[in-house]
Amino acid sequence: MRKLGVNVSRWKCDTVAHPLQEDTTSCGVFALKFAEHLLEGSSSLQFPTSNIDDLRREIATTIMTGSDCV
């Protein structure tokens, strides 16, 4: 980033506590849930991961509810 002229001296790298993906197929669910928490300004990236299918349904419902398709 420095080579592109971006002032990164004020940036801080840190690791935030977050749930870990335990399979090879739910990376999209995790990426969307992390994005959701960050966009909402949440100070935590924690969310329940005991039933990934419930999270998939929640994401699908959110997408369909916000869609203009009938």
N, C-alpha and C. Protein backbone atom coordinates (compact mmCIF):
# COMPACT_ATOMS: atom_id res chain seq x y z
N MET A 1 0.82 -1.18 0.00
CA MET A 1 0.00 0.00 0.00
C MET A 1 0.87 1.26 0.00
N ARG A 2 2.00 1.17 0.69
CA ARG A 2 2.91 2.33 0.72
C ARG A 2 3.38 2.67 -0.69
N LYS A 3 3.65 1.65 -1.51
CA LYS A 3 4.10 1.88 -2.88
C LYS A 3 3.05 2.61 -3.71
N LEU A 4 1.77 2.47 -3.29
CA LEU A 4 0.68 3.16 -3.99
C LEU A 4 0.43 4.55 -3.42
N GLY A 5 1.21 4.94 -2.43
CA GLY A 5 1.07 6.27 -1.86
C GLY A 5 0.04 6.37 -0.76
N VAL A 6 -0.40 5.24 -0.24
CA VAL A 6 -1.39 5.24 0.84
C VAL A 6 -0.66 5.32 2.18
N ASN A 7 -1.08 6.26 3.02
CA ASN A 7 -0.48 6.44 4.34
C ASN A 7 -1.03 5.37 5.28
N VAL A 8 -0.24 4.34 5.50
CA VAL A 8 -0.71 3.24 6.35
C VAL A 8 -0.10 3.28 7.74
N SER A 9 0.65 4.32 8.05
CA SER A 9 1.32 4.37 9.35
C SER A 9 0.33 4.42 10.51
N ARG A 10 -0.89 4.88 10.27
CA ARG A 10 -1.87 4.96 11.35
C ARG A 10 -2.72 3.70 11.44
N TRP A 11 -2.53 2.76 10.54
CA TRP A 11 -3.29 1.52 10.56
C TRP A 11 -2.77 0.60 11.64
N LYS A 12 -3.69 -0.15 12.22
CA LYS A 12 -3.32 -1.10 13.26
C LYS A 12 -3.77 -2.49 12.83
N CYS A 13 -2.88 -3.43 12.85
CA CYS A 13 -3.23 -4.82 12.54
C CYS A 13 -3.50 -5.53 13.85
N ASP A 14 -4.60 -6.26 13.89
CA ASP A 14 -4.98 -6.95 15.11
C ASP A 14 -5.83 -8.14 14.73
N THR A 15 -5.96 -9.07 15.63
CA THR A 15 -6.83 -10.22 15.43
C THR A 15 -8.01 -10.07 16.36
N VAL A 16 -9.21 -10.20 15.81
CA VAL A 16 -10.44 -10.09 16.58
C VAL A 16 -10.99 -11.50 16.81
N ALA A 17 -11.46 -11.75 18.01
CA ALA A 17 -12.06 -13.06 18.30
C ALA A 17 -13.23 -13.30 17.36
N HIS A 18 -13.28 -14.50 16.79
CA HIS A 18 -14.34 -14.84 15.83
C HIS A 18 -14.51 -16.36 15.80
N PRO A 19 -15.69 -16.81 15.38
CA PRO A 19 -15.90 -18.26 15.27
C PRO A 19 -15.07 -18.80 14.10
N LEU A 20 -14.67 -20.05 14.22
CA LEU A 20 -13.87 -20.69 13.20
C LEU A 20 -14.72 -21.65 12.37
N GLN A 21 -14.49 -21.63 11.09
CA GLN A 21 -15.16 -22.54 10.17
C GLN A 21 -14.61 -23.94 10.40
N GLU A 22 -15.49 -24.92 10.55
CA GLU A 22 -15.04 -26.28 10.83
C GLU A 22 -15.32 -27.24 9.69
N ASP A 23 -15.73 -26.72 8.54
CA ASP A 23 -15.97 -27.58 7.39
C ASP A 23 -15.36 -26.92 6.15
N THR A 24 -15.61 -27.49 4.99
CA THR A 24 -15.03 -26.94 3.76
C THR A 24 -16.07 -26.27 2.88
N THR A 25 -17.28 -26.09 3.38
CA THR A 25 -18.35 -25.59 2.51
C THR A 25 -19.06 -24.34 3.01
N SER A 26 -18.74 -23.85 4.18
CA SER A 26 -19.50 -22.72 4.73
C SER A 26 -18.72 -21.41 4.74
N CYS A 27 -17.68 -21.29 3.91
CA CYS A 27 -16.88 -20.07 3.92
C CYS A 27 -17.72 -18.85 3.50
N GLY A 28 -18.65 -19.03 2.58
CA GLY A 28 -19.51 -17.92 2.17
C GLY A 28 -20.38 -17.43 3.30
N VAL A 29 -20.91 -18.36 4.08
CA VAL A 29 -21.74 -18.00 5.23
C VAL A 29 -20.92 -17.18 6.22
N PHE A 30 -19.70 -17.62 6.50
CA PHE A 30 -18.84 -16.90 7.44
C PHE A 30 -18.50 -15.52 6.90
N ALA A 31 -18.14 -15.44 5.62
CA ALA A 31 -17.79 -14.14 5.03
C ALA A 31 -18.97 -13.17 5.12
N LEU A 32 -20.19 -13.65 4.80
CA LEU A 32 -21.36 -12.78 4.86
C LEU A 32 -21.70 -12.36 6.29
N LYS A 33 -21.59 -13.27 7.24
CA LYS A 33 -21.88 -12.92 8.63
C LYS A 33 -20.84 -11.94 9.18
N PHE A 34 -19.55 -12.11 8.82
CA PHE A 34 -18.53 -11.15 9.24
C PHE A 34 -18.84 -9.78 8.64
N ALA A 35 -19.16 -9.75 7.35
CA ALA A 35 -19.48 -8.48 6.69
C ALA A 35 -20.69 -7.82 7.35
N GLU A 36 -21.71 -8.61 7.67
CA GLU A 36 -22.91 -8.08 8.31
C GLU A 36 -22.56 -7.40 9.64
N HIS A 37 -21.77 -8.08 10.45
CA HIS A 37 -21.40 -7.53 11.76
C HIS A 37 -20.57 -6.25 11.60
N LEU A 38 -19.64 -6.25 10.65
CA LEU A 38 -18.81 -5.06 10.43
C LEU A 38 -19.65 -3.89 9.93
N LEU A 39 -20.56 -4.15 8.98
CA LEU A 39 -21.39 -3.08 8.44
C LEU A 39 -22.36 -2.51 9.47
N GLU A 40 -22.79 -3.35 10.41
CA GLU A 40 -23.68 -2.89 11.47
C GLU A 40 -22.92 -2.16 12.58
N GLY A 41 -21.60 -2.15 12.49
CA GLY A 41 -20.79 -1.48 13.50
C GLY A 41 -20.66 -2.26 14.79
N SER A 42 -20.93 -3.55 14.74
CA SER A 42 -20.83 -4.39 15.93
C SER A 42 -19.39 -4.47 16.42
N SER A 43 -19.21 -4.47 17.72
CA SER A 43 -17.87 -4.59 18.28
C SER A 43 -17.44 -6.05 18.39
N SER A 44 -18.34 -6.96 18.04
CA SER A 44 -18.06 -8.38 18.14
C SER A 44 -18.35 -9.06 16.80
N LEU A 45 -17.53 -10.04 16.46
CA LEU A 45 -17.78 -10.84 15.25
C LEU A 45 -18.32 -12.21 15.62
N GLN A 46 -18.85 -12.34 16.81
CA GLN A 46 -19.37 -13.63 17.27
C GLN A 46 -20.79 -13.86 16.75
N PHE A 47 -21.05 -15.09 16.33
CA PHE A 47 -22.39 -15.52 15.94
C PHE A 47 -22.46 -17.03 16.13
N PRO A 48 -23.67 -17.56 16.35
CA PRO A 48 -23.79 -19.00 16.59
C PRO A 48 -23.46 -19.78 15.32
N THR A 49 -22.69 -20.85 15.48
CA THR A 49 -22.32 -21.67 14.32
C THR A 49 -22.76 -23.12 14.48
N SER A 50 -23.62 -23.37 15.45
CA SER A 50 -24.03 -24.76 15.70
C SER A 50 -24.89 -25.32 14.58
N ASN A 51 -25.60 -24.46 13.85
CA ASN A 51 -26.40 -24.94 12.74
C ASN A 51 -26.24 -24.00 11.53
N ILE A 52 -25.28 -24.32 10.70
CA ILE A 52 -24.97 -23.50 9.52
C ILE A 52 -26.18 -23.42 8.59
N ASP A 53 -26.98 -24.48 8.52
CA ASP A 53 -28.16 -24.45 7.64
C ASP A 53 -29.14 -23.35 8.06
N ASP A 54 -29.27 -23.10 9.37
CA ASP A 54 -30.11 -22.00 9.84
C ASP A 54 -29.57 -20.66 9.35
N LEU A 55 -28.25 -20.50 9.40
CA LEU A 55 -27.64 -19.26 8.91
C LEU A 55 -27.85 -19.11 7.40
N ARG A 56 -27.76 -20.22 6.66
CA ARG A 56 -28.01 -20.17 5.21
C ARG A 56 -29.44 -19.72 4.92
N ARG A 57 -30.40 -20.26 5.68
CA ARG A 57 -31.80 -19.86 5.50
C ARG A 57 -32.00 -18.39 5.84
N GLU A 58 -31.36 -17.93 6.91
CA GLU A 58 -31.45 -16.52 7.31
C GLU A 58 -30.90 -15.61 6.20
N ILE A 59 -29.77 -15.98 5.64
CA ILE A 59 -29.17 -15.20 4.56
C ILE A 59 -30.07 -15.20 3.33
N ALA A 60 -30.59 -16.36 2.97
CA ALA A 60 -31.48 -16.46 1.80
C ALA A 60 -32.73 -15.62 2.00
N THR A 61 -33.30 -15.67 3.20
CA THR A 61 -34.50 -14.88 3.50
C THR A 61 -34.21 -13.39 3.39
N THR A 62 -33.06 -12.97 3.92
CA THR A 62 -32.68 -11.55 3.84
C THR A 62 -32.52 -11.11 2.38
N ILE A 63 -31.88 -11.95 1.58
CA ILE A 63 -31.70 -11.60 0.16
C ILE A 63 -33.04 -11.54 -0.56
N MET A 64 -33.88 -12.52 -0.34
CA MET A 64 -35.18 -12.56 -1.03
C MET A 64 -36.08 -11.43 -0.57
N THR A 65 -36.05 -11.09 0.70
CA THR A 65 -36.88 -10.01 1.22
C THR A 65 -36.47 -8.67 0.62
N GLY A 66 -35.20 -8.49 0.39
CA GLY A 66 -34.71 -7.25 -0.17
C GLY A 66 -34.73 -7.21 -1.69
N SER A 67 -35.18 -8.28 -2.32
CA SER A 67 -35.18 -8.37 -3.78
C SER A 67 -36.41 -7.71 -4.38
N ASP A 68 -36.27 -7.18 -5.58
CA ASP A 68 -37.41 -6.61 -6.32
C ASP A 68 -38.15 -7.66 -7.12
N CYS A 69 -37.60 -8.86 -7.20
CA CYS A 69 -38.23 -9.93 -7.98
C CYS A 69 -39.51 -10.39 -7.30
N VAL A 70 -40.49 -10.69 -8.11
CA VAL A 70 -41.77 -11.15 -7.57
C VAL A 70 -41.95 -12.61 -7.86
